[in-house]
Every structure is written in structure tokens, then in C-alpha cells.
N, C-alpha and C. Protein backbone atom coordinates (compact mmCIF):
# COMPACT_ATOMS: atom_id res chain seq x y z
N MET A 1 94.04 -20.34 -31.24
CA MET A 1 95.04 -21.26 -31.86
C MET A 1 94.65 -21.45 -33.34
N LYS A 2 95.65 -21.39 -34.15
CA LYS A 2 95.43 -21.62 -35.59
C LYS A 2 95.25 -23.12 -35.82
N MET A 3 94.49 -23.40 -36.86
CA MET A 3 94.22 -24.75 -37.21
C MET A 3 95.50 -25.53 -37.56
N ALA A 4 96.46 -24.85 -38.22
CA ALA A 4 97.70 -25.46 -38.59
C ALA A 4 98.47 -25.87 -37.33
N ASP A 5 98.46 -25.02 -36.33
CA ASP A 5 99.11 -25.41 -35.04
C ASP A 5 98.49 -26.58 -34.36
N TYR A 6 97.16 -26.58 -34.38
CA TYR A 6 96.42 -27.75 -33.80
C TYR A 6 96.75 -29.06 -34.56
N SER A 7 96.81 -28.94 -35.89
CA SER A 7 97.04 -30.13 -36.69
C SER A 7 98.47 -30.64 -36.44
N ARG A 8 99.42 -29.67 -36.38
CA ARG A 8 100.79 -30.06 -36.15
C ARG A 8 100.95 -30.71 -34.79
N GLY A 9 100.30 -30.15 -33.76
CA GLY A 9 100.35 -30.76 -32.41
C GLY A 9 99.74 -32.11 -32.41
N ARG A 10 98.59 -32.34 -33.10
CA ARG A 10 98.00 -33.65 -33.16
C ARG A 10 98.88 -34.59 -33.87
N ASN A 11 99.48 -34.23 -34.94
CA ASN A 11 100.35 -35.11 -35.73
C ASN A 11 101.64 -35.44 -34.88
N ASP A 12 102.17 -34.48 -34.19
CA ASP A 12 103.28 -34.73 -33.33
C ASP A 12 102.98 -35.77 -32.22
N GLY A 13 101.80 -35.59 -31.66
CA GLY A 13 101.30 -36.54 -30.63
C GLY A 13 101.09 -37.92 -31.13
N LEU A 14 100.56 -38.03 -32.35
CA LEU A 14 100.40 -39.39 -32.96
C LEU A 14 101.80 -40.02 -33.24
N ALA A 15 102.70 -39.24 -33.76
CA ALA A 15 104.06 -39.73 -34.01
C ALA A 15 104.76 -40.21 -32.71
N LEU A 16 104.62 -39.45 -31.65
CA LEU A 16 105.14 -39.83 -30.38
C LEU A 16 104.53 -41.13 -29.88
N ALA A 17 103.20 -41.24 -30.00
CA ALA A 17 102.45 -42.42 -29.54
C ALA A 17 102.98 -43.69 -30.34
N LEU A 18 103.16 -43.54 -31.65
CA LEU A 18 103.62 -44.63 -32.49
C LEU A 18 105.06 -45.02 -32.02
N LYS A 19 105.88 -44.04 -31.79
CA LYS A 19 107.24 -44.33 -31.32
C LYS A 19 107.25 -45.13 -30.00
N ILE A 20 106.45 -44.63 -29.06
CA ILE A 20 106.34 -45.37 -27.76
C ILE A 20 105.86 -46.79 -27.96
N VAL A 21 104.89 -47.00 -28.77
CA VAL A 21 104.35 -48.37 -28.95
C VAL A 21 105.42 -49.24 -29.64
N LYS A 22 106.06 -48.69 -30.66
CA LYS A 22 107.06 -49.50 -31.39
C LYS A 22 108.19 -49.88 -30.47
N GLU A 23 108.67 -48.96 -29.62
CA GLU A 23 109.80 -49.19 -28.75
C GLU A 23 109.50 -50.02 -27.59
N ASP A 24 108.28 -49.78 -26.92
CA ASP A 24 108.05 -50.38 -25.61
C ASP A 24 106.68 -51.08 -25.52
N GLY A 25 105.88 -50.99 -26.52
CA GLY A 25 104.56 -51.65 -26.46
C GLY A 25 103.42 -50.80 -26.02
N ILE A 26 102.26 -51.34 -26.15
CA ILE A 26 101.01 -50.64 -25.83
C ILE A 26 100.92 -50.28 -24.37
N GLU A 27 101.45 -51.13 -23.50
CA GLU A 27 101.42 -50.82 -22.04
C GLU A 27 102.22 -49.58 -21.74
N ALA A 28 103.32 -49.33 -22.46
CA ALA A 28 104.14 -48.19 -22.24
C ALA A 28 103.29 -46.91 -22.69
N LEU A 29 102.49 -47.04 -23.75
CA LEU A 29 101.66 -45.90 -24.14
C LEU A 29 100.59 -45.66 -23.10
N GLU A 30 99.99 -46.72 -22.56
CA GLU A 30 98.97 -46.51 -21.48
C GLU A 30 99.60 -45.82 -20.27
N LYS A 31 100.82 -46.28 -19.90
CA LYS A 31 101.54 -45.63 -18.83
C LYS A 31 101.79 -44.15 -19.11
N GLU A 32 102.21 -43.84 -20.34
CA GLU A 32 102.48 -42.47 -20.73
C GLU A 32 101.26 -41.61 -20.62
N ILE A 33 100.14 -42.15 -21.07
CA ILE A 33 98.87 -41.39 -20.98
C ILE A 33 98.50 -41.08 -19.56
N LYS A 34 98.65 -42.07 -18.69
CA LYS A 34 98.39 -41.90 -17.30
C LYS A 34 99.32 -40.88 -16.73
N PHE A 35 100.61 -40.98 -16.97
CA PHE A 35 101.60 -40.03 -16.46
C PHE A 35 101.27 -38.62 -16.84
N ARG A 36 100.92 -38.40 -18.09
CA ARG A 36 100.61 -37.03 -18.56
C ARG A 36 99.32 -36.50 -17.91
N GLY A 37 98.36 -37.33 -17.59
CA GLY A 37 97.17 -36.94 -16.92
C GLY A 37 97.40 -36.56 -15.46
N VAL A 38 98.26 -37.39 -14.83
CA VAL A 38 98.57 -37.17 -13.39
C VAL A 38 99.47 -35.96 -13.20
N SER A 39 100.49 -35.89 -14.07
CA SER A 39 101.53 -34.89 -13.84
C SER A 39 101.19 -33.54 -14.42
N ASN A 40 100.23 -33.46 -15.33
CA ASN A 40 99.76 -32.20 -16.00
C ASN A 40 100.95 -31.62 -16.76
N ILE A 41 101.79 -32.51 -17.27
CA ILE A 41 102.95 -32.06 -18.07
C ILE A 41 102.61 -32.18 -19.59
N HIS A 42 102.86 -31.12 -20.25
CA HIS A 42 102.60 -31.06 -21.67
C HIS A 42 103.93 -30.85 -22.39
N THR A 43 104.44 -31.87 -23.01
CA THR A 43 105.77 -31.78 -23.64
C THR A 43 105.82 -32.78 -24.83
N PRO A 44 106.63 -32.46 -25.80
CA PRO A 44 106.73 -33.42 -26.90
C PRO A 44 107.66 -34.60 -26.54
N LEU A 45 108.24 -34.63 -25.34
CA LEU A 45 109.10 -35.76 -24.96
C LEU A 45 108.25 -36.87 -24.34
N ALA A 46 108.65 -38.09 -24.56
CA ALA A 46 108.03 -39.29 -23.88
C ALA A 46 108.51 -39.27 -22.47
N GLN A 47 107.72 -39.91 -21.56
CA GLN A 47 108.01 -39.93 -20.15
C GLN A 47 109.45 -40.34 -19.86
N LYS A 48 109.96 -41.42 -20.51
CA LYS A 48 111.29 -41.92 -20.20
C LYS A 48 112.36 -40.86 -20.66
N ASP A 49 112.10 -40.13 -21.77
CA ASP A 49 113.03 -39.15 -22.20
C ASP A 49 112.94 -37.92 -21.26
N LEU A 50 111.78 -37.56 -20.83
CA LEU A 50 111.56 -36.50 -19.86
C LEU A 50 112.27 -36.82 -18.48
N GLU A 51 112.09 -38.03 -18.04
CA GLU A 51 112.70 -38.41 -16.82
C GLU A 51 114.22 -38.33 -16.88
N LYS A 52 114.78 -38.78 -18.03
CA LYS A 52 116.22 -38.71 -18.30
C LYS A 52 116.67 -37.27 -18.26
N ALA A 53 115.95 -36.35 -18.93
CA ALA A 53 116.31 -34.97 -18.95
C ALA A 53 116.18 -34.29 -17.56
N LEU A 54 115.21 -34.78 -16.80
CA LEU A 54 114.95 -34.17 -15.42
C LEU A 54 115.93 -34.68 -14.40
N ALA A 55 116.56 -35.83 -14.57
CA ALA A 55 117.39 -36.44 -13.53
C ALA A 55 118.39 -35.43 -13.00
N PRO A 56 119.19 -34.72 -13.80
CA PRO A 56 120.19 -33.80 -13.16
C PRO A 56 119.51 -32.61 -12.49
N ILE A 57 118.40 -32.20 -12.96
CA ILE A 57 117.64 -31.11 -12.28
C ILE A 57 117.19 -31.56 -10.88
N LYS A 58 116.65 -32.78 -10.81
CA LYS A 58 116.17 -33.37 -9.56
C LYS A 58 117.38 -33.51 -8.60
N GLU A 59 118.49 -34.02 -9.01
CA GLU A 59 119.65 -34.19 -8.19
C GLU A 59 120.14 -32.80 -7.67
N HIS A 60 120.21 -31.83 -8.53
CA HIS A 60 120.62 -30.49 -8.10
C HIS A 60 119.63 -29.91 -7.12
N THR A 61 118.34 -30.10 -7.35
CA THR A 61 117.30 -29.55 -6.40
C THR A 61 117.42 -30.18 -5.03
N ILE A 62 117.61 -31.48 -5.06
CA ILE A 62 117.73 -32.24 -3.78
C ILE A 62 118.97 -31.74 -3.02
N ALA A 63 120.12 -31.60 -3.71
CA ALA A 63 121.33 -31.19 -3.10
C ALA A 63 121.17 -29.77 -2.53
N THR A 64 120.59 -28.87 -3.26
CA THR A 64 120.43 -27.50 -2.74
C THR A 64 119.43 -27.45 -1.65
N MET A 65 118.35 -28.28 -1.67
CA MET A 65 117.41 -28.30 -0.51
C MET A 65 118.15 -28.81 0.73
N LEU A 66 118.92 -29.80 0.58
CA LEU A 66 119.65 -30.35 1.73
C LEU A 66 120.63 -29.29 2.30
N ALA A 67 121.37 -28.64 1.43
CA ALA A 67 122.30 -27.59 1.86
C ALA A 67 121.58 -26.50 2.59
N MET A 68 120.49 -26.00 2.07
CA MET A 68 119.72 -24.92 2.78
C MET A 68 119.20 -25.42 4.09
N SER A 69 118.64 -26.69 4.14
CA SER A 69 118.06 -27.24 5.38
C SER A 69 119.14 -27.27 6.42
N ILE A 70 120.33 -27.82 6.08
CA ILE A 70 121.42 -27.94 7.02
C ILE A 70 121.91 -26.59 7.48
N HIS A 71 121.92 -25.62 6.54
CA HIS A 71 122.33 -24.27 6.93
C HIS A 71 121.39 -23.66 7.93
N VAL A 72 120.09 -23.82 7.70
CA VAL A 72 119.08 -23.25 8.60
C VAL A 72 119.17 -23.93 9.97
N LEU A 73 119.26 -25.27 9.94
CA LEU A 73 119.32 -26.03 11.21
C LEU A 73 120.58 -25.63 12.03
N TYR A 74 121.66 -25.44 11.36
CA TYR A 74 122.96 -25.00 12.05
C TYR A 74 122.77 -23.58 12.54
N ASP A 75 122.38 -22.66 11.64
CA ASP A 75 122.43 -21.23 11.91
C ASP A 75 121.32 -20.78 12.87
N GLU A 76 120.13 -21.35 12.75
CA GLU A 76 119.01 -20.86 13.54
C GLU A 76 118.63 -21.79 14.72
N PHE A 77 118.98 -23.02 14.65
CA PHE A 77 118.52 -23.97 15.69
C PHE A 77 119.62 -24.66 16.40
N ASP A 78 120.91 -24.23 16.17
CA ASP A 78 122.07 -24.73 16.83
C ASP A 78 122.27 -26.21 16.68
N PHE A 79 121.89 -26.84 15.59
CA PHE A 79 122.26 -28.20 15.26
C PHE A 79 123.73 -28.19 14.98
N ARG A 80 124.41 -29.19 15.47
CA ARG A 80 125.86 -29.35 15.21
C ARG A 80 126.06 -30.68 14.47
N THR A 81 127.32 -31.07 14.32
CA THR A 81 127.72 -32.11 13.39
C THR A 81 126.93 -33.42 13.61
N VAL A 82 126.79 -33.87 14.80
CA VAL A 82 126.11 -35.16 15.02
C VAL A 82 124.65 -35.08 14.59
N ARG A 83 123.95 -34.06 15.05
CA ARG A 83 122.55 -33.94 14.66
C ARG A 83 122.35 -33.68 13.16
N LEU A 84 123.30 -32.85 12.65
CA LEU A 84 123.23 -32.56 11.18
C LEU A 84 123.39 -33.85 10.37
N ASN A 85 124.33 -34.67 10.81
CA ASN A 85 124.53 -35.92 10.03
C ASN A 85 123.32 -36.82 10.18
N ARG A 86 122.71 -36.87 11.39
CA ARG A 86 121.46 -37.65 11.49
C ARG A 86 120.36 -37.09 10.59
N PHE A 87 120.31 -35.76 10.57
CA PHE A 87 119.25 -35.16 9.64
C PHE A 87 119.53 -35.50 8.21
N ARG A 88 120.83 -35.34 7.79
CA ARG A 88 121.15 -35.62 6.40
C ARG A 88 120.85 -37.06 6.03
N ASP A 89 121.17 -37.99 6.97
CA ASP A 89 120.88 -39.39 6.66
C ASP A 89 119.41 -39.65 6.53
N ARG A 90 118.65 -39.10 7.41
CA ARG A 90 117.16 -39.29 7.37
C ARG A 90 116.57 -38.57 6.14
N PHE A 91 117.07 -37.41 5.81
CA PHE A 91 116.63 -36.71 4.64
C PHE A 91 116.86 -37.56 3.37
N ASN A 92 118.03 -38.11 3.26
CA ASN A 92 118.33 -38.95 2.13
C ASN A 92 117.52 -40.20 2.06
N SER A 93 117.20 -40.76 3.23
CA SER A 93 116.30 -41.89 3.28
C SER A 93 114.92 -41.59 2.80
N LYS A 94 114.42 -40.45 3.19
CA LYS A 94 113.10 -39.97 2.77
C LYS A 94 113.11 -39.73 1.26
N VAL A 95 114.17 -39.15 0.74
CA VAL A 95 114.32 -38.93 -0.73
C VAL A 95 114.29 -40.22 -1.50
N ASP A 96 115.01 -41.23 -0.97
CA ASP A 96 115.02 -42.55 -1.59
C ASP A 96 113.65 -43.12 -1.61
N CYS A 97 112.89 -43.02 -0.59
CA CYS A 97 111.53 -43.52 -0.56
C CYS A 97 110.68 -42.86 -1.63
N LEU A 98 110.84 -41.55 -1.80
CA LEU A 98 110.13 -40.79 -2.82
C LEU A 98 110.53 -41.24 -4.22
N LEU A 99 111.81 -41.36 -4.43
CA LEU A 99 112.30 -41.79 -5.75
C LEU A 99 111.98 -43.20 -6.15
N ASP A 100 111.87 -44.02 -5.13
CA ASP A 100 111.47 -45.42 -5.35
C ASP A 100 109.95 -45.65 -5.38
N ASP A 101 109.20 -44.59 -5.41
CA ASP A 101 107.72 -44.64 -5.43
C ASP A 101 107.12 -45.30 -4.19
N MET A 102 107.81 -45.31 -3.07
CA MET A 102 107.18 -45.87 -1.83
C MET A 102 106.25 -44.88 -1.27
N VAL A 103 106.44 -43.58 -1.48
CA VAL A 103 105.51 -42.54 -1.11
C VAL A 103 105.43 -41.53 -2.22
N THR A 104 104.37 -40.65 -2.16
CA THR A 104 104.28 -39.57 -3.13
C THR A 104 104.35 -38.27 -2.42
N TRP A 105 104.43 -37.21 -3.16
CA TRP A 105 104.41 -35.89 -2.50
C TRP A 105 103.05 -35.69 -1.77
N GLY A 106 102.02 -36.18 -2.38
CA GLY A 106 100.69 -36.12 -1.72
C GLY A 106 100.67 -36.76 -0.38
N ASP A 107 101.36 -37.97 -0.27
CA ASP A 107 101.42 -38.67 1.02
C ASP A 107 102.21 -37.86 2.04
N ILE A 108 103.32 -37.24 1.60
CA ILE A 108 104.12 -36.47 2.49
C ILE A 108 103.36 -35.21 2.98
N VAL A 109 102.70 -34.46 2.09
CA VAL A 109 101.95 -33.30 2.48
C VAL A 109 100.82 -33.69 3.43
N LYS A 110 100.11 -34.72 3.14
CA LYS A 110 98.99 -35.18 4.02
C LYS A 110 99.54 -35.54 5.42
N ASP A 111 100.65 -36.26 5.46
CA ASP A 111 101.22 -36.65 6.72
C ASP A 111 101.62 -35.40 7.56
N ILE A 112 102.26 -34.45 6.97
CA ILE A 112 102.67 -33.20 7.64
C ILE A 112 101.44 -32.51 8.19
N GLN A 113 100.36 -32.42 7.36
CA GLN A 113 99.18 -31.73 7.83
C GLN A 113 98.52 -32.44 8.97
N GLU A 114 98.42 -33.73 8.91
CA GLU A 114 97.82 -34.52 9.97
C GLU A 114 98.56 -34.41 11.25
N LYS A 115 99.89 -34.37 11.21
CA LYS A 115 100.73 -34.41 12.40
C LYS A 115 100.97 -33.02 13.00
N THR A 116 100.99 -31.98 12.09
CA THR A 116 101.34 -30.65 12.58
C THR A 116 100.31 -29.57 12.40
N LYS A 117 99.28 -29.86 11.56
CA LYS A 117 98.26 -28.96 11.22
C LYS A 117 98.83 -27.85 10.25
N MET A 118 100.04 -28.02 9.76
CA MET A 118 100.60 -27.11 8.77
C MET A 118 100.12 -27.50 7.38
N VAL A 119 99.79 -26.49 6.62
CA VAL A 119 99.31 -26.74 5.23
C VAL A 119 100.44 -26.31 4.33
N ILE A 120 100.90 -27.29 3.48
CA ILE A 120 101.90 -27.07 2.52
C ILE A 120 101.29 -27.36 1.16
N ALA A 121 101.32 -26.38 0.33
CA ALA A 121 100.71 -26.52 -1.03
C ALA A 121 101.84 -26.88 -2.06
N ILE A 122 101.71 -27.95 -2.70
CA ILE A 122 102.60 -28.33 -3.83
C ILE A 122 101.66 -28.41 -5.05
N PRO A 123 101.88 -27.48 -5.96
CA PRO A 123 100.97 -27.49 -7.20
C PRO A 123 101.05 -28.83 -7.87
N ASP A 124 99.86 -29.36 -8.29
CA ASP A 124 99.73 -30.54 -9.09
C ASP A 124 100.33 -31.79 -8.38
N ASN A 125 100.38 -31.85 -7.05
CA ASN A 125 100.91 -33.05 -6.45
C ASN A 125 99.87 -34.15 -6.56
N GLU A 126 100.35 -35.40 -6.51
CA GLU A 126 99.50 -36.58 -6.64
C GLU A 126 98.69 -36.75 -5.41
């Protein structure tokens, strides 16, 4: 890495830190630092800006995961409307728990492994 690139990155980071503190206070900067350490995300966007940008991606991912799950349950396991509706409702409930920070992906993976002995790897999960 060139020294100019390093300096530019450091300066961009300082400018972002100043913006966060001015807008939301020192606690927001502390939260931002923790978020970046936990999530392993390296971006010039602040957490709240990143979350805003990711919201439509998350919504699309959840909708496509639900569609594929329902398709597999119908096609391979003979679930029909009543069971599929129950599955969809429970799926959405679990998604809400995740979005409301009641559980983490780490909690979910651990629970699956303890109950089923299946190992599911999610890179960089909490």
C-alpha cells in the first residue's frame, strides 16, 4: 500500500469520526467502532448510512429466502397451503426477532447445532 493511500484512508476515517460525533455524539462513535469490529465491515459509510443502504438488500434477501423455502417445502415435502402459511408466519416471526436484536445469527446457528447436530457456517457471525 502506498503511503498516500494510507494517509487518505486515515484522513477519511478521521473525517467520518468527526461527522459521527458532531451529528450523534461520542456514544455513537463508540457504537460505530464496536459495530465495525464485530461486523468486520470496512466501508467509508457510517453504520446508520450503511444500514439505510442495506435495508432494501435485506428485504429482498428475506423475500427470496422465503420464496425458495416455500417452493422446496411444497415441491419436495408436500406442504400445502395451511402448512405453508404456518411456515411463512413462523419464518416472519423469526426474522422479526432477528431484526429486533432479540437473537443473533450466532444464537440461531448454535441452537440448530445443539438440536440437530447440523453445522451451519455463517462467515463472521456474532
